[in-house]
Amino acid sequence: MTIVADGIVKIYGRTRVLDGIAFTASRGVTGLLGPNGAGKTTLLRILATVLAPDEGGLELCGQDPGTAAGRLSVRRRLGYLPQEPGFHRLFTAFEFVDYVAVLKEMTDRRERHDEVRRVLDLVGLADVSGKRIRTLSGGMRRRLALAQALIGDPALVILDEPTAGLDPEQRMRFRDLVSRLGEHRTVVLSTHQTEDVAALCEQVVVVDHGRALFSGTVRELVGSATGRAWTAADRDPRAQVSWRLGTGRFHHVGEPPAGAELVDPSLEDAYLMLLGDRATSAAPVSA
């Protein structure tokens, strides 16, 4: 296993931001879902060795990040895209990724520059590598942040909201890239987009109030909502959550009434079922 988290706890003041998180992840793409404030970003920062847990055990790439030697070993094999990456806006795109490559101890200038060009091409920024970051669009800056996470072909890639600011075409390219990454390494992807998890991930961890409500396969999570999704001509007030579809009918999630027109559940349906009362704030806006 690339990641073994056992009872991870993180406390800020009197708040237990993470309260006993436990899960494992190996080669492939693992999705991390949860509402705002669930603790996802704190968990990812711990996996990226930015923070240390207050309690619990953690093993990354076979190493203990709680030791200096273990932490250094993990960081040499880690790629991390934070939710809000910091840029020196006077750098060009090439200079920024090259700077990160230097921090990753890539000392051979020719090999380093070849690697910088490789990752910029991977994310579709080869044509703007000489432009200053301040002139790039928000979507381009997001792709630039992804490029720096891929420097050095890391064994463990941590991505926090990587599709934020990307248009549909860019998201399709992102999905292709991440699916390829997951063929040979471990990727942990935190997102609010259930469709990205459904398209990319075999495993999913659902976090709320600092706890893992579910850890298993996407198929298992979707299966848990079988018989709990239905459509009707009118909104059913008994549903846990509902919204109006483009067809004019209403999609419902919850306990269906007798004779309801059941439909195959989606990952989003299962996710909303799992959240329970918290699902209302996470559901699509209905007309």
C-alpha atoms as a PDB file:
ATOM      1  CA  MET A   1       0.000   0.000   0.000  1.00  0.00           C
ATOM      2  CA  THR A   2       1.271   3.484  -0.852  1.00  0.00           C
ATOM      3  CA  ILE A   3      -0.905   5.092   1.847  1.00  0.00           C
ATOM      4  CA  VAL A   4      -1.879   3.527   5.155  1.00  0.00           C
ATOM      5  CA  ALA A   5      -3.769   5.942   7.428  1.00  0.00           C
ATOM      6  CA  ASP A   6      -4.861   4.549  10.774  1.00  0.00           C
ATOM      7  CA  GLY A   7      -6.951   6.703  13.100  1.00  0.00           C
ATOM      8  CA  ILE A   8      -5.617  10.085  11.941  1.00  0.00           C
ATOM      9  CA  VAL A   9      -6.577  12.948  14.260  1.00  0.00           C
ATOM     10  CA  LYS A  10      -5.888  16.659  13.773  1.00  0.00           C
ATOM     11  CA  ILE A  11      -6.971  19.204  16.367  1.00  0.00           C
ATOM     12  CA  TYR A  12      -7.102  22.994  16.046  1.00  0.00           C
ATOM     13  CA  GLY A  13      -7.932  24.569  19.396  1.00  0.00           C
ATOM     14  CA  ARG A  14     -11.003  22.705  20.601  1.00  0.00           C
ATOM     15  CA  THR A  15     -12.007  21.472  17.147  1.00  0.00           C
ATOM     16  CA  ARG A  16     -11.165  17.967  15.962  1.00  0.00           C
ATOM     17  CA  VAL A  17     -10.838  18.717  12.259  1.00  0.00           C
ATOM     18  CA  LEU A  18      -9.976  15.069  11.629  1.00  0.00           C
ATOM     19  CA  ASP A  19     -11.435  12.528  14.013  1.00  0.00           C
ATOM     20  CA  GLY A  20      -9.975   9.075  13.472  1.00  0.00           C
ATOM     21  CA  ILE A  21      -9.675   8.905   9.670  1.00  0.00           C
ATOM     22  CA  ALA A  22      -8.594   5.453   8.471  1.00  0.00           C
ATOM     23  CA  PHE A  23      -8.147   4.254   4.886  1.00  0.00           C
ATOM     24  CA  THR A  24      -5.605   2.735   2.525  1.00  0.00           C
ATOM     25  CA  ALA A  25      -4.695   3.548  -1.066  1.00  0.00           C
ATOM     26  CA  SER A  26      -2.484   1.816  -3.604  1.00  0.00           C
ATOM     27  CA  ARG A  27      -1.825   2.161  -7.333  1.00  0.00           C
ATOM     28  CA  GLY A  28      -4.725   3.806  -9.132  1.00  0.00           C
ATOM     29  CA  VAL A  29      -6.866   6.877  -8.513  1.00  0.00           C
ATOM     30  CA  THR A  30      -8.610   7.276  -5.161  1.00  0.00           C
ATOM     31  CA  GLY A  31     -11.280   9.973  -4.932  1.00  0.00           C
ATOM     32  CA  LEU A  32     -11.852  12.053  -1.809  1.00  0.00           C
ATOM     33  CA  LEU A  33     -15.378  13.486  -1.527  1.00  0.00           C
ATOM     34  CA  GLY A  34     -17.022  15.591   1.147  1.00  0.00           C
ATOM     35  CA  PRO A  35     -18.801  18.908   1.732  1.00  0.00           C
ATOM     36  CA  ASN A  36     -16.996  22.157   2.521  1.00  0.00           C
ATOM     37  CA  GLY A  37     -15.439  22.040   5.967  1.00  0.00           C
ATOM     38  CA  ALA A  38     -15.374  18.228   6.055  1.00  0.00           C
ATOM     39  CA  GLY A  39     -11.599  18.100   6.594  1.00  0.00           C
ATOM     40  CA  LYS A  40     -10.494  17.085   3.083  1.00  0.00           C
ATOM     41  CA  THR A  41      -7.823  19.747   2.634  1.00  0.00           C
ATOM     42  CA  THR A  42      -6.389  19.122   6.104  1.00  0.00           C
ATOM     43  CA  LEU A  43      -6.176  15.417   5.303  1.00  0.00           C
ATOM     44  CA  LEU A  44      -4.431  16.097   2.001  1.00  0.00           C
ATOM     45  CA  ARG A  45      -1.931  18.431   3.683  1.00  0.00           C
ATOM     46  CA  ILE A  46      -1.096  15.621   6.100  1.00  0.00           C
ATOM     47  CA  LEU A  47      -0.660  13.179   3.201  1.00  0.00           C
ATOM     48  CA  ALA A  48       1.603  15.755   1.521  1.00  0.00           C
ATOM     49  CA  THR A  49       3.703  16.010   4.745  1.00  0.00           C
ATOM     50  CA  VAL A  50       2.843  19.707   5.121  1.00  0.00           C
ATOM     51  CA  LEU A  51       1.143  18.950   8.460  1.00  0.00           C
ATOM     52  CA  ALA A  52       1.733  16.217  11.016  1.00  0.00           C
ATOM     53  CA  PRO A  53      -1.206  14.369  12.599  1.00  0.00           C
ATOM     54  CA  ASP A  54      -1.764  14.848  16.321  1.00  0.00           C
ATOM     55  CA  GLU A  55      -2.727  11.208  16.780  1.00  0.00           C
ATOM     56  CA  GLY A  56      -2.833   8.045  14.703  1.00  0.00           C
ATOM     57  CA  GLY A  57      -0.477   6.184  12.427  1.00  0.00           C
ATOM     58  CA  LEU A  58       0.548   7.124   8.892  1.00  0.00           C
ATOM     59  CA  GLU A  59       2.728   5.321   6.384  1.00  0.00           C
ATOM     60  CA  LEU A  60       3.492   6.798   2.963  1.00  0.00           C
ATOM     61  CA  CYS A  61       5.457   4.946   0.266  1.00  0.00           C
ATOM     62  CA  GLY A  62       6.600   2.506   2.910  1.00  0.00           C
ATOM     63  CA  GLN A  63       8.038   5.292   5.065  1.00  0.00           C
ATOM     64  CA  ASP A  64       7.129   6.936   8.369  1.00  0.00           C
ATOM     65  CA  PRO A  65       6.713  10.679   7.636  1.00  0.00           C
ATOM     66  CA  GLY A  66       6.932  11.333  11.372  1.00  0.00           C
ATOM     67  CA  THR A  67      10.717  10.937  11.164  1.00  0.00           C
ATOM     68  CA  ALA A  68      13.035  13.366   9.396  1.00  0.00           C
ATOM     69  CA  ALA A  69      14.517  10.628   7.197  1.00  0.00           C
ATOM     70  CA  GLY A  70      11.094   9.214   6.352  1.00  0.00           C
ATOM     71  CA  ARG A  71       9.681  12.630   5.542  1.00  0.00           C
ATOM     72  CA  LEU A  72      12.586  13.411   3.203  1.00  0.00           C
ATOM     73  CA  SER A  73      12.190  10.067   1.442  1.00  0.00           C
ATOM     74  CA  VAL A  74       8.447  10.647   0.929  1.00  0.00           C
ATOM     75  CA  ARG A  75       8.934  14.176  -0.386  1.00  0.00           C
ATOM     76  CA  ARG A  76      11.369  12.931  -3.009  1.00  0.00           C
ATOM     77  CA  ARG A  77       8.614  10.675  -4.363  1.00  0.00           C
ATOM     78  CA  LEU A  78       5.701  13.084  -3.931  1.00  0.00           C
ATOM     79  CA  GLY A  79       3.841  15.454  -6.238  1.00  0.00           C
ATOM     80  CA  TYR A  80       1.411  17.880  -4.571  1.00  0.00           C
ATOM     81  CA  LEU A  81      -1.121  20.295  -6.036  1.00  0.00           C
ATOM     82  CA  PRO A  82      -2.544  22.390  -3.173  1.00  0.00           C
ATOM     83  CA  GLN A  83      -5.972  23.982  -3.338  1.00  0.00           C
ATOM     84  CA  GLU A  84      -4.449  27.475  -3.545  1.00  0.00           C
ATOM     85  CA  PRO A  85      -0.977  27.211  -5.098  1.00  0.00           C
ATOM     86  CA  GLY A  86       1.335  30.170  -4.631  1.00  0.00           C
ATOM     87  CA  PHE A  87       2.962  31.673  -7.707  1.00  0.00           C
ATOM     88  CA  HIS A  88       5.694  34.234  -8.172  1.00  0.00           C
ATOM     89  CA  ARG A  89       3.792  36.131 -10.835  1.00  0.00           C
ATOM     90  CA  LEU A  90       6.942  37.648 -12.363  1.00  0.00           C
ATOM     91  CA  PHE A  91       8.195  34.163 -13.260  1.00  0.00           C
ATOM     92  CA  THR A  92       7.439  32.722 -16.648  1.00  0.00           C
ATOM     93  CA  ALA A  93       5.648  29.381 -16.691  1.00  0.00           C
ATOM     94  CA  PHE A  94       8.938  27.664 -17.517  1.00  0.00           C
ATOM     95  CA  GLU A  95      10.858  29.474 -14.785  1.00  0.00           C
ATOM     96  CA  PHE A  96       8.286  28.549 -12.155  1.00  0.00           C
ATOM     97  CA  VAL A  97       8.324  24.823 -12.933  1.00  0.00           C
ATOM     98  CA  ASP A  98      12.105  24.910 -13.252  1.00  0.00           C
ATOM     99  CA  TYR A  99      12.314  26.479  -9.787  1.00  0.00           C
ATOM    100  CA  VAL A 100      10.218  23.633  -8.352  1.00  0.00           C
ATOM    101  CA  ALA A 101      12.483  21.131 -10.124  1.00  0.00           C
ATOM    102  CA  VAL A 102      15.513  22.698  -8.422  1.00  0.00           C
ATOM    103  CA  LEU A 103      13.755  22.335  -5.062  1.00  0.00           C
ATOM    104  CA  LYS A 104      13.266  18.662  -5.909  1.00  0.00           C
ATOM    105  CA  GLU A 105      17.045  18.323  -6.176  1.00  0.00           C
ATOM    106  CA  MET A 106      17.246  18.015  -9.955  1.00  0.00           C
ATOM    107  CA  THR A 107      20.783  19.357 -10.390  1.00  0.00           C
ATOM    108  CA  ASP A 108      21.609  18.451 -14.002  1.00  0.00           C
ATOM    109  CA  ARG A 109      20.468  21.511 -15.939  1.00  0.00           C
ATOM    110  CA  ARG A 110      19.873  19.786 -19.281  1.00  0.00           C
ATOM    111  CA  GLU A 111      17.937  16.875 -17.767  1.00  0.00           C
ATOM    112  CA  ARG A 112      15.970  19.264 -15.565  1.00  0.00           C
ATOM    113  CA  HIS A 113      14.952  21.469 -18.479  1.00  0.00           C
ATOM    114  CA  ASP A 114      13.927  18.418 -20.508  1.00  0.00           C
ATOM    115  CA  GLU A 115      11.695  17.370 -17.578  1.00  0.00           C
ATOM    116  CA  VAL A 116      10.204  20.878 -17.299  1.00  0.00           C
ATOM    117  CA  ARG A 117       9.336  20.845 -20.991  1.00  0.00           C
ATOM    118  CA  ARG A 118       7.834  17.355 -20.637  1.00  0.00           C
ATOM    119  CA  VAL A 119       5.391  18.289 -17.871  1.00  0.00           C
ATOM    120  CA  LEU A 120       4.431  21.588 -19.503  1.00  0.00           C
ATOM    121  CA  ASP A 121       3.590  19.661 -22.668  1.00  0.00           C
ATOM    122  CA  LEU A 122       1.588  17.118 -20.631  1.00  0.00           C
ATOM    123  CA  VAL A 123      -0.736  19.850 -19.338  1.00  0.00           C
ATOM    124  CA  GLY A 124      -0.959  21.691 -22.678  1.00  0.00           C
ATOM    125  CA  LEU A 125       1.172  24.706 -21.779  1.00  0.00           C
ATOM    126  CA  ALA A 126       4.159  24.179 -24.076  1.00  0.00           C
ATOM    127  CA  ASP A 127       3.101  27.089 -26.288  1.00  0.00           C
ATOM    128  CA  VAL A 128       2.980  29.561 -23.390  1.00  0.00           C
ATOM    129  CA  SER A 129       6.019  28.390 -21.440  1.00  0.00           C
ATOM    130  CA  GLY A 130       7.770  31.722 -22.021  1.00  0.00           C
ATOM    131  CA  LYS A 131       4.843  33.864 -20.828  1.00  0.00           C
ATOM    132  CA  ARG A 132       4.791  35.424 -17.389  1.00  0.00           C
ATOM    133  CA  ILE A 133       2.367  33.832 -14.952  1.00  0.00           C
ATOM    134  CA  ARG A 134       0.553  37.124 -14.371  1.00  0.00           C
ATOM    135  CA  THR A 135      -0.571  37.100 -18.033  1.00  0.00           C
ATOM    136  CA  LEU A 136      -2.018  33.574 -17.905  1.00  0.00           C
ATOM    137  CA  SER A 137      -5.710  32.842 -17.454  1.00  0.00           C
ATOM    138  CA  GLY A 138      -7.010  31.188 -14.300  1.00  0.00           C
ATOM    139  CA  GLY A 139      -7.349  27.850 -16.069  1.00  0.00           C
ATOM    140  CA  MET A 140      -3.797  28.067 -17.393  1.00  0.00           C
ATOM    141  CA  ARG A 141      -2.467  28.825 -13.918  1.00  0.00           C
ATOM    142  CA  ARG A 142      -4.318  25.779 -12.608  1.00  0.00           C
ATOM    143  CA  ARG A 143      -2.686  23.611 -15.261  1.00  0.00           C
ATOM    144  CA  LEU A 144       0.682  25.153 -14.402  1.00  0.00           C
ATOM    145  CA  ALA A 145       0.173  24.131 -10.772  1.00  0.00           C
ATOM    146  CA  LEU A 146      -0.563  20.601 -11.985  1.00  0.00           C
ATOM    147  CA  ALA A 147       2.618  20.600 -14.079  1.00  0.00           C
ATOM    148  CA  GLN A 148       4.814  21.374 -11.068  1.00  0.00           C
ATOM    149  CA  ALA A 149       3.179  18.483  -9.171  1.00  0.00           C
ATOM    150  CA  LEU A 150       4.273  16.069 -11.905  1.00  0.00           C
ATOM    151  CA  ILE A 151       7.956  17.043 -11.921  1.00  0.00           C
ATOM    152  CA  GLY A 152      10.221  14.052 -11.395  1.00  0.00           C
ATOM    153  CA  ASP A 153       7.578  11.394 -12.175  1.00  0.00           C
ATOM    154  CA  PRO A 154       6.395  11.030  -8.533  1.00  0.00           C
ATOM    155  CA  ALA A 155       5.110   7.724  -7.140  1.00  0.00           C
ATOM    156  CA  LEU A 156       2.439   9.498  -5.054  1.00  0.00           C
ATOM    157  CA  VAL A 157       0.414  12.401  -6.464  1.00  0.00           C
ATOM    158  CA  ILE A 158      -1.885  14.474  -4.228  1.00  0.00           C
ATOM    159  CA  LEU A 159      -4.377  16.721  -6.067  1.00  0.00           C
ATOM    160  CA  ASP A 160      -6.623  19.173  -4.194  1.00  0.00           C
ATOM    161  CA  GLU A 161      -9.486  20.472  -6.387  1.00  0.00           C
ATOM    162  CA  PRO A 162      -7.440  20.193  -9.598  1.00  0.00           C
ATOM    163  CA  THR A 163     -10.343  20.933 -11.982  1.00  0.00           C
ATOM    164  CA  ALA A 164     -11.244  24.280 -10.403  1.00  0.00           C
ATOM    165  CA  GLY A 165     -11.254  26.920 -13.138  1.00  0.00           C
ATOM    166  CA  LEU A 166     -10.977  24.466 -16.028  1.00  0.00           C
ATOM    167  CA  ASP A 167     -13.393  24.566 -18.946  1.00  0.00           C
ATOM    168  CA  PRO A 168     -15.052  21.334 -20.195  1.00  0.00           C
ATOM    169  CA  GLU A 169     -12.394  20.638 -22.830  1.00  0.00           C
ATOM    170  CA  GLN A 170      -9.599  21.155 -20.291  1.00  0.00           C
ATOM    171  CA  ARG A 171     -11.367  18.865 -17.815  1.00  0.00           C
ATOM    172  CA  MET A 172     -11.531  16.112 -20.438  1.00  0.00           C
ATOM    173  CA  ARG A 173      -7.797  16.496 -21.026  1.00  0.00           C
ATOM    174  CA  PHE A 174      -7.235  16.441 -17.268  1.00  0.00           C
ATOM    175  CA  ARG A 175      -9.198  13.197 -16.935  1.00  0.00           C
ATOM    176  CA  ASP A 176      -7.107  11.564 -19.635  1.00  0.00           C
ATOM    177  CA  LEU A 177      -3.899  12.679 -17.909  1.00  0.00           C
ATOM    178  CA  VAL A 178      -4.943  11.550 -14.422  1.00  0.00           C
ATOM    179  CA  SER A 179      -6.186   8.180 -15.678  1.00  0.00           C
ATOM    180  CA  ARG A 180      -2.775   7.627 -17.276  1.00  0.00           C
ATOM    181  CA  LEU A 181      -1.019   8.664 -14.071  1.00  0.00           C
ATOM    182  CA  GLY A 182      -3.044   6.151 -12.097  1.00  0.00           C
ATOM    183  CA  GLU A 183      -1.874   3.269 -14.277  1.00  0.00           C
ATOM    184  CA  HIS A 184       1.564   3.270 -12.651  1.00  0.00           C
ATOM    185  CA  ARG A 185       1.327   5.295  -9.443  1.00  0.00           C
ATOM    186  CA  THR A 186      -0.984   6.274  -6.607  1.00  0.00           C
ATOM    187  CA  VAL A 187      -3.139   9.371  -7.113  1.00  0.00           C
ATOM    188  CA  VAL A 188      -5.404  10.909  -4.469  1.00  0.00           C
ATOM    189  CA  LEU A 189      -7.914  13.320  -5.955  1.00  0.00           C
ATOM    190  CA  SER A 190     -10.032  15.651  -3.823  1.00  0.00           C
ATOM    191  CA  THR A 191     -12.911  17.263  -5.680  1.00  0.00           C
ATOM    192  CA  HIS A 192     -16.476  18.521  -5.421  1.00  0.00           C
ATOM    193  CA  GLN A 193     -17.194  17.037  -8.857  1.00  0.00           C
ATOM    194  CA  THR A 194     -18.745  13.605  -8.370  1.00  0.00           C
ATOM    195  CA  GLU A 195     -18.623  13.073 -12.137  1.00  0.00           C
ATOM    196  CA  ASP A 196     -14.803  13.320 -12.031  1.00  0.00           C
ATOM    197  CA  VAL A 197     -14.692  10.638  -9.338  1.00  0.00           C
ATOM    198  CA  ALA A 198     -17.142   8.444 -11.262  1.00  0.00           C
ATOM    199  CA  ALA A 199     -15.071   8.797 -14.426  1.00  0.00           C
ATOM    200  CA  LEU A 200     -11.608   8.321 -12.907  1.00  0.00           C
ATOM    201  CA  CYS A 201     -11.642   6.519  -9.585  1.00  0.00           C
ATOM    202  CA  GLU A 202     -11.868   2.896  -8.555  1.00  0.00           C
ATOM    203  CA  GLN A 203     -11.746   3.741  -4.864  1.00  0.00           C
ATOM    204  CA  VAL A 204     -13.475   6.580  -3.007  1.00  0.00           C
ATOM    205  CA  VAL A 205     -13.352   7.928   0.533  1.00  0.00           C
ATOM    206  CA  VAL A 206     -16.265  10.105   1.710  1.00  0.00           C
ATOM    207  CA  VAL A 207     -15.384  12.439   4.567  1.00  0.00           C
ATOM    208  CA  ASP A 208     -17.728  14.514   6.728  1.00  0.00           C
ATOM    209  CA  HIS A 209     -17.140  16.172  10.100  1.00  0.00           C
ATOM    210  CA  GLY A 210     -13.607  14.824  10.055  1.00  0.00           C
ATOM    211  CA  ARG A 211     -14.663  11.174   9.804  1.00  0.00           C
ATOM    212  CA  ALA A 212     -14.628   8.691   6.949  1.00  0.00           C
ATOM    213  CA  LEU A 213     -18.268   7.816   6.298  1.00  0.00           C
ATOM    214  CA  PHE A 214     -17.295   5.401   3.544  1.00  0.00           C
ATOM    215  CA  SER A 215     -14.114   3.846   2.163  1.00  0.00           C
ATOM    216  CA  GLY A 216     -14.384   1.346  -0.659  1.00  0.00           C
ATOM    217  CA  THR A 217     -15.001   1.047  -4.382  1.00  0.00           C
ATOM    218  CA  VAL A 218     -17.087   3.487  -6.381  1.00  0.00           C
ATOM    219  CA  ARG A 219     -19.242   0.554  -7.468  1.00  0.00           C
ATOM    220  CA  GLU A 220     -19.962  -0.370  -3.847  1.00  0.00           C
ATOM    221  CA  LEU A 221     -20.943   3.191  -2.980  1.00  0.00           C
ATOM    222  CA  VAL A 222     -23.249   3.502  -5.989  1.00  0.00           C
ATOM    223  CA  GLY A 223     -24.766   0.106  -5.165  1.00  0.00           C
ATOM    224  CA  SER A 224     -25.693   1.313  -1.690  1.00  0.00           C
ATOM    225  CA  ALA A 225     -28.224   3.663  -3.307  1.00  0.00           C
ATOM    226  CA  THR A 226     -29.963   1.004  -5.402  1.00  0.00           C
ATOM    227  CA  GLY A 227     -33.721   1.430  -5.075  1.00  0.00           C
ATOM    228  CA  ARG A 228     -33.323   4.893  -3.528  1.00  0.00           C
ATOM    229  CA  ALA A 229     -33.551   7.127  -6.628  1.00  0.00           C
ATOM    230  CA  TRP A 230     -36.679   7.846  -8.632  1.00  0.00           C
ATOM    231  CA  THR A 231     -38.254  10.387 -10.946  1.00  0.00           C
ATOM    232  CA  ALA A 232     -41.753  11.882 -10.904  1.00  0.00           C
ATOM    233  CA  ALA A 233     -43.751  14.608 -12.573  1.00  0.00           C
ATOM    234  CA  ASP A 234     -43.933  16.580  -9.320  1.00  0.00           C
ATOM    235  CA  ARG A 235     -41.604  17.255  -6.419  1.00  0.00           C
ATOM    236  CA  ASP A 236     -42.050  14.753  -3.586  1.00  0.00           C
ATOM    237  CA  PRO A 237     -41.691  16.454  -0.171  1.00  0.00           C
ATOM    238  CA  ARG A 238     -40.870  13.094   1.407  1.00  0.00           C
ATOM    239  CA  ALA A 239     -37.601  12.828  -0.546  1.00  0.00           C
ATOM    240  CA  GLN A 240     -34.340  13.452   1.240  1.00  0.00           C
ATOM    241  CA  VAL A 241     -33.305  15.729  -1.627  1.00  0.00           C
ATOM    242  CA  SER A 242     -34.759  16.483  -5.053  1.00  0.00           C
ATOM    243  CA  TRP A 243     -34.230  18.741  -8.031  1.00  0.00           C
ATOM    244  CA  ARG A 244     -35.900  19.579 -11.318  1.00  0.00           C
ATOM    245  CA  LEU A 245     -34.359  18.012 -14.409  1.00  0.00           C
ATOM    246  CA  GLY A 246     -34.029  19.623 -17.809  1.00  0.00           C
ATOM    247  CA  THR A 247     -36.917  17.451 -18.982  1.00  0.00           C
ATOM    248  CA  GLY A 248     -39.237  19.125 -16.476  1.00  0.00           C
ATOM    249  CA  ARG A 249     -39.499  16.011 -14.298  1.00  0.00           C
ATOM    250  CA  PHE A 250     -38.072  15.813 -10.771  1.00  0.00           C
ATOM    251  CA  HIS A 251     -35.235  13.581  -9.631  1.00  0.00           C
ATOM    252  CA  HIS A 252     -35.555  12.350  -6.047  1.00  0.00           C
ATOM    253  CA  VAL A 253     -33.203  10.629  -3.609  1.00  0.00           C
ATOM    254  CA  GLY A 254     -34.384   8.953  -0.413  1.00  0.00           C
ATOM    255  CA  GLU A 255     -37.053   6.429   0.519  1.00  0.00           C
ATOM    256  CA  PRO A 256     -39.295   6.056  -2.553  1.00  0.00           C
ATOM    257  CA  PRO A 257     -43.073   5.786  -2.238  1.00  0.00           C
ATOM    258  CA  ALA A 258     -44.878   2.650  -3.372  1.00  0.00           C
ATOM    259  CA  GLY A 259     -45.020   2.396  -7.143  1.00  0.00           C
ATOM    260  CA  ALA A 260     -42.285   4.996  -7.701  1.00  0.00           C
ATOM    261  CA  GLU A 261     -40.522   5.088 -11.073  1.00  0.00           C
ATOM    262  CA  LEU A 262     -37.109   3.909  -9.916  1.00  0.00           C
ATOM    263  CA  VAL A 263     -33.960   4.834 -11.870  1.00  0.00           C
ATOM    264  CA  ASP A 264     -30.390   3.565 -11.683  1.00  0.00           C
ATOM    265  CA  PRO A 265     -28.592   5.627  -9.025  1.00  0.00           C
ATOM    266  CA  SER A 266     -25.554   7.735  -9.840  1.00  0.00           C
ATOM    267  CA  LEU A 267     -22.509   8.307  -7.660  1.00  0.00           C
ATOM    268  CA  GLU A 268     -23.994  11.689  -6.785  1.00  0.00           C
ATOM    269  CA  ASP A 269     -27.204  10.020  -5.573  1.00  0.00           C
ATOM    270  CA  ALA A 270     -25.246   7.621  -3.355  1.00  0.00           C
ATOM    271  CA  TYR A 271     -23.087  10.461  -2.040  1.00  0.00           C
ATOM    272  CA  LEU A 272     -26.146  12.511  -1.105  1.00  0.00           C
ATOM    273  CA  MET A 273     -27.744   9.497   0.564  1.00  0.00           C
ATOM    274  CA  LEU A 274     -24.619   8.988   2.644  1.00  0.00           C
ATOM    275  CA  LEU A 275     -24.519  12.615   3.770  1.00  0.00           C
ATOM    276  CA  GLY A 276     -28.055  12.368   5.099  1.00  0.00           C
ATOM    277  CA  ASP A 277     -29.305  15.686   6.512  1.00  0.00           C
ATOM    278  CA  ARG A 278     -26.191  17.428   5.194  1.00  0.00           C
ATOM    279  CA  ALA A 279     -27.200  16.522   1.654  1.00  0.00           C
ATOM    280  CA  THR A 280     -29.484  19.516   1.155  1.00  0.00           C
ATOM    281  CA  SER A 281     -26.573  21.961   1.013  1.00  0.00           C
ATOM    282  CA  ALA A 282     -24.609  19.657  -1.305  1.00  0.00           C
ATOM    283  CA  ALA A 283     -27.414  18.918  -3.777  1.00  0.00           C
ATOM    284  CA  PRO A 284     -27.846  20.587  -7.174  1.00  0.00           C
ATOM    285  CA  VAL A 285     -29.923  23.771  -7.169  1.00  0.00           C
ATOM    286  CA  SER A 286     -33.452  22.924  -8.258  1.00  0.00           C
ATOM    287  CA  ALA A 287     -35.711  25.221 -10.211  1.00  0.00           C
END
